[in-house]
Amino acid sequence: MSLASSLAPREHKSETPLHSTEAAKPEPPRARTAHKALPSSGTGAKYTDPDFMQLKVYVRRKTKTAAARKWEDGGGRELSELIETLLSQYLSS
């Protein structure tokens, strides 16, 4: 081996050819899910409990704020508990 050949830069060969169609294909987009990352079991979170479902409703902002304050002042913890109570009472009437 000569000194000139040992000092010459080495060619770098990539593992995938540059003109390969597989290398140029972008990954397909992943499906979006509405689920949050689930915490470890036993947390008691409602979004992990199969007996609960998320409900989206529209109410006036001032109505929601006043109801949440009154519910919390009366010892309630979450507004969802109030909604559950009211819906249960409605169904039993």
N, C-alpha and C. Protein backbone atom coordinates (compact mmCIF):
# COMPACT_ATOMS: atom_id res chain seq x y z
N MET A 1 0.86 -1.16 0.00
CA MET A 1 0.00 0.00 0.00
C MET A 1 0.90 1.22 0.00
N SER A 2 0.59 2.14 -0.87
CA SER A 2 1.42 3.34 -0.98
C SER A 2 0.92 4.40 0.00
N LEU A 3 1.76 5.37 0.26
CA LEU A 3 1.41 6.45 1.17
C LEU A 3 0.24 7.26 0.60
N ALA A 4 0.21 7.49 -0.71
CA ALA A 4 -0.87 8.26 -1.34
C ALA A 4 -2.21 7.55 -1.21
N SER A 5 -2.20 6.24 -1.36
CA SER A 5 -3.48 5.52 -1.27
C SER A 5 -3.97 5.45 0.17
N SER A 6 -3.08 5.45 1.15
CA SER A 6 -3.52 5.40 2.54
C SER A 6 -4.03 6.76 3.01
N LEU A 7 -3.61 7.85 2.39
CA LEU A 7 -4.06 9.18 2.76
C LEU A 7 -5.31 9.62 2.00
N ALA A 8 -5.64 8.92 0.95
CA ALA A 8 -6.82 9.28 0.15
C ALA A 8 -8.08 9.06 0.98
N PRO A 9 -9.05 9.96 0.84
CA PRO A 9 -10.29 9.81 1.60
C PRO A 9 -11.01 8.52 1.17
N ARG A 10 -11.58 7.86 2.13
CA ARG A 10 -12.32 6.64 1.84
C ARG A 10 -13.73 6.98 1.43
N GLU A 11 -14.25 6.19 0.52
CA GLU A 11 -15.63 6.38 0.08
C GLU A 11 -16.55 5.78 1.13
N HIS A 12 -17.62 6.49 1.42
CA HIS A 12 -18.60 6.00 2.37
C HIS A 12 -19.77 5.44 1.59
N LYS A 13 -20.04 4.18 1.79
CA LYS A 13 -21.18 3.55 1.11
C LYS A 13 -22.33 3.50 2.10
N SER A 14 -23.47 4.08 1.69
CA SER A 14 -24.63 4.04 2.58
C SER A 14 -25.23 2.65 2.54
N GLU A 15 -25.96 2.34 3.60
CA GLU A 15 -26.57 1.03 3.69
C GLU A 15 -27.74 0.88 2.73
N THR A 16 -28.41 1.98 2.40
CA THR A 16 -29.52 1.92 1.45
C THR A 16 -29.14 2.76 0.25
N PRO A 17 -29.43 2.29 -0.93
CA PRO A 17 -29.10 3.07 -2.12
C PRO A 17 -29.89 4.36 -2.15
N LEU A 18 -29.28 5.41 -2.70
CA LEU A 18 -29.93 6.72 -2.74
C LEU A 18 -31.13 6.73 -3.68
N HIS A 19 -31.11 5.91 -4.70
CA HIS A 19 -32.18 5.92 -5.68
C HIS A 19 -33.22 4.85 -5.43
N SER A 20 -33.17 4.23 -4.29
CA SER A 20 -34.13 3.18 -3.97
C SER A 20 -35.50 3.81 -3.74
N THR A 21 -36.54 3.19 -4.27
CA THR A 21 -37.89 3.73 -4.08
C THR A 21 -38.35 3.51 -2.65
N GLU A 22 -37.89 2.46 -2.00
CA GLU A 22 -38.28 2.22 -0.62
C GLU A 22 -37.70 3.27 0.32
N ALA A 23 -36.49 3.69 0.07
CA ALA A 23 -35.87 4.69 0.92
C ALA A 23 -36.53 6.05 0.75
N ALA A 24 -37.10 6.33 -0.41
CA ALA A 24 -37.70 7.63 -0.67
C ALA A 24 -39.14 7.71 -0.18
N LYS A 25 -39.81 6.58 0.08
CA LYS A 25 -41.21 6.60 0.50
C LYS A 25 -41.31 7.12 1.93
N PRO A 26 -42.19 8.10 2.13
CA PRO A 26 -42.40 8.55 3.51
C PRO A 26 -43.26 7.53 4.25
N GLU A 27 -43.16 7.54 5.56
CA GLU A 27 -43.98 6.65 6.37
C GLU A 27 -45.43 7.11 6.29
N PRO A 28 -46.39 6.19 6.22
CA PRO A 28 -47.79 6.61 6.19
C PRO A 28 -48.16 7.26 7.51
N PRO A 29 -49.06 8.24 7.48
CA PRO A 29 -49.44 8.92 8.73
C PRO A 29 -50.14 7.94 9.66
N ARG A 30 -49.91 8.11 10.93
CA ARG A 30 -50.55 7.26 11.92
C ARG A 30 -51.92 7.81 12.23
N ALA A 31 -52.83 6.93 12.53
CA ALA A 31 -54.20 7.35 12.85
C ALA A 31 -54.19 8.09 14.18
N ARG A 32 -54.92 9.17 14.23
CA ARG A 32 -55.05 9.92 15.47
C ARG A 32 -56.13 9.29 16.32
N THR A 33 -55.92 9.27 17.60
CA THR A 33 -56.93 8.76 18.51
C THR A 33 -57.28 9.84 19.50
N ALA A 34 -58.48 9.78 20.00
CA ALA A 34 -58.93 10.75 20.97
C ALA A 34 -58.56 10.33 22.39
N HIS A 35 -57.95 9.17 22.54
CA HIS A 35 -57.62 8.67 23.85
C HIS A 35 -56.33 9.30 24.36
N LYS A 36 -56.34 9.59 25.64
CA LYS A 36 -55.13 10.08 26.28
C LYS A 36 -54.29 8.87 26.67
N ALA A 37 -53.05 9.12 26.97
CA ALA A 37 -52.20 8.04 27.46
C ALA A 37 -52.77 7.54 28.78
N LEU A 38 -52.94 6.26 28.88
CA LEU A 38 -53.57 5.69 30.06
C LEU A 38 -52.56 5.59 31.20
N PRO A 39 -52.96 6.03 32.39
CA PRO A 39 -52.07 5.88 33.53
C PRO A 39 -52.07 4.42 33.99
N SER A 40 -51.23 4.12 34.94
CA SER A 40 -51.19 2.75 35.46
C SER A 40 -52.55 2.41 36.07
N SER A 41 -52.89 1.14 36.04
CA SER A 41 -54.20 0.71 36.54
C SER A 41 -54.32 1.02 38.02
N GLY A 42 -55.58 1.19 38.45
CA GLY A 42 -55.82 1.46 39.85
C GLY A 42 -55.83 2.93 40.21
N THR A 43 -55.81 3.82 39.22
CA THR A 43 -55.79 5.25 39.54
C THR A 43 -57.18 5.79 39.82
N GLY A 44 -58.22 5.09 39.34
CA GLY A 44 -59.58 5.55 39.55
C GLY A 44 -59.98 6.66 38.60
N ALA A 45 -59.21 6.92 37.59
CA ALA A 45 -59.52 7.98 36.63
C ALA A 45 -60.74 7.57 35.81
N LYS A 46 -61.65 8.50 35.61
CA LYS A 46 -62.87 8.20 34.89
C LYS A 46 -62.62 7.87 33.43
N TYR A 47 -61.61 8.47 32.83
CA TYR A 47 -61.37 8.21 31.41
C TYR A 47 -60.79 6.82 31.17
N THR A 48 -60.38 6.12 32.22
CA THR A 48 -59.93 4.74 32.06
C THR A 48 -61.01 3.73 32.44
N ASP A 49 -62.09 4.21 33.06
CA ASP A 49 -63.18 3.34 33.49
C ASP A 49 -64.14 3.11 32.34
N PRO A 50 -64.38 1.86 31.92
CA PRO A 50 -65.27 1.61 30.78
C PRO A 50 -66.73 1.96 31.06
N ASP A 51 -67.11 2.14 32.35
CA ASP A 51 -68.49 2.53 32.66
C ASP A 51 -68.75 4.01 32.41
N PHE A 52 -67.71 4.79 32.19
CA PHE A 52 -67.86 6.21 31.94
C PHE A 52 -67.56 6.53 30.48
N MET A 53 -68.18 7.60 29.99
CA MET A 53 -67.88 8.09 28.66
C MET A 53 -67.82 9.61 28.72
N GLN A 54 -67.09 10.19 27.79
CA GLN A 54 -66.98 11.64 27.75
C GLN A 54 -68.20 12.20 27.05
N LEU A 55 -68.72 13.30 27.57
CA LEU A 55 -69.90 13.94 27.03
C LEU A 55 -69.57 15.40 26.75
N LYS A 56 -69.84 15.84 25.55
CA LYS A 56 -69.57 17.23 25.21
C LYS A 56 -70.91 17.92 24.98
N VAL A 57 -71.16 18.95 25.75
CA VAL A 57 -72.40 19.72 25.62
C VAL A 57 -72.04 21.20 25.60
N TYR A 58 -72.95 21.99 25.09
CA TYR A 58 -72.76 23.44 25.07
C TYR A 58 -73.75 24.09 26.03
N VAL A 59 -73.20 24.85 26.96
CA VAL A 59 -74.00 25.64 27.89
C VAL A 59 -73.39 27.04 27.94
N ARG A 60 -74.18 27.98 28.40
CA ARG A 60 -73.64 29.33 28.53
C ARG A 60 -72.54 29.34 29.58
N ARG A 61 -71.50 30.09 29.32
CA ARG A 61 -70.34 30.16 30.20
C ARG A 61 -70.75 30.58 31.62
N LYS A 62 -71.60 31.60 31.73
CA LYS A 62 -71.98 32.07 33.07
C LYS A 62 -72.80 31.02 33.82
N THR A 63 -73.59 30.23 33.09
CA THR A 63 -74.37 29.16 33.72
C THR A 63 -73.44 28.09 34.27
N LYS A 64 -72.48 27.68 33.48
CA LYS A 64 -71.53 26.64 33.91
C LYS A 64 -70.71 27.12 35.09
N THR A 65 -70.23 28.35 35.05
CA THR A 65 -69.41 28.89 36.12
C THR A 65 -70.19 28.98 37.43
N ALA A 66 -71.41 29.50 37.35
CA ALA A 66 -72.24 29.64 38.56
C ALA A 66 -72.60 28.27 39.13
N ALA A 67 -72.93 27.31 38.26
CA ALA A 67 -73.28 25.96 38.73
C ALA A 67 -72.07 25.28 39.37
N ALA A 68 -70.90 25.41 38.77
CA ALA A 68 -69.70 24.79 39.33
C ALA A 68 -69.37 25.39 40.69
N ARG A 69 -69.49 26.70 40.83
CA ARG A 69 -69.22 27.34 42.13
C ARG A 69 -70.19 26.86 43.20
N LYS A 70 -71.48 26.85 42.85
CA LYS A 70 -72.50 26.43 43.82
C LYS A 70 -72.30 24.97 44.21
N TRP A 71 -72.00 24.12 43.23
CA TRP A 71 -71.77 22.70 43.50
C TRP A 71 -70.57 22.51 44.42
N GLU A 72 -69.47 23.20 44.14
CA GLU A 72 -68.26 23.08 44.95
C GLU A 72 -68.47 23.66 46.35
N ASP A 73 -69.22 24.76 46.45
CA ASP A 73 -69.51 25.35 47.77
C ASP A 73 -70.37 24.42 48.61
N GLY A 74 -71.19 23.60 47.97
CA GLY A 74 -72.05 22.66 48.68
C GLY A 74 -71.36 21.34 49.00
N GLY A 75 -70.10 21.23 48.68
CA GLY A 75 -69.37 20.01 49.02
C GLY A 75 -69.12 19.09 47.85
N GLY A 76 -69.60 19.44 46.66
CA GLY A 76 -69.35 18.61 45.48
C GLY A 76 -67.90 18.72 45.05
N ARG A 77 -67.41 17.67 44.41
CA ARG A 77 -66.00 17.68 44.00
C ARG A 77 -65.85 18.10 42.54
N GLU A 78 -66.55 17.44 41.64
CA GLU A 78 -66.39 17.71 40.22
C GLU A 78 -67.74 18.03 39.60
N LEU A 79 -67.73 18.84 38.58
CA LEU A 79 -68.96 19.19 37.89
C LEU A 79 -69.58 17.95 37.24
N SER A 80 -68.76 16.98 36.85
CA SER A 80 -69.30 15.77 36.24
C SER A 80 -70.19 15.00 37.22
N GLU A 81 -69.90 15.10 38.52
CA GLU A 81 -70.76 14.47 39.52
C GLU A 81 -72.14 15.12 39.54
N LEU A 82 -72.20 16.42 39.41
CA LEU A 82 -73.47 17.13 39.36
C LEU A 82 -74.27 16.71 38.13
N ILE A 83 -73.62 16.65 36.99
CA ILE A 83 -74.30 16.25 35.75
C ILE A 83 -74.84 14.83 35.88
N GLU A 84 -74.04 13.92 36.43
CA GLU A 84 -74.46 12.54 36.64
C GLU A 84 -75.69 12.49 37.54
N THR A 85 -75.67 13.26 38.64
CA THR A 85 -76.80 13.30 39.57
C THR A 85 -78.06 13.82 38.88
N LEU A 86 -77.94 14.90 38.15
CA LEU A 86 -79.11 15.48 37.48
C LEU A 86 -79.68 14.54 36.41
N LEU A 87 -78.80 13.90 35.65
CA LEU A 87 -79.28 12.96 34.62
C LEU A 87 -79.96 11.74 35.26
N SER A 88 -79.41 11.26 36.36
CA SER A 88 -80.01 10.12 37.06
C SER A 88 -81.40 10.48 37.60
N GLN A 89 -81.50 11.68 38.18
CA GLN A 89 -82.80 12.14 38.69
C GLN A 89 -83.81 12.28 37.56
N TYR A 90 -83.37 12.78 36.42
CA TYR A 90 -84.24 12.95 35.26
C TYR A 90 -84.76 11.58 34.79
N LEU A 91 -83.88 10.60 34.74
CA LEU A 91 -84.28 9.28 34.28
C LEU A 91 -85.22 8.57 35.26
N SER A 92 -85.08 8.84 36.54
CA SER A 92 -85.93 8.17 37.54
C SER A 92 -87.29 8.86 37.70
N SER A 93 -87.48 10.00 37.09
CA SER A 93 -88.78 10.71 37.23
C SER A 93 -89.78 10.25 36.21
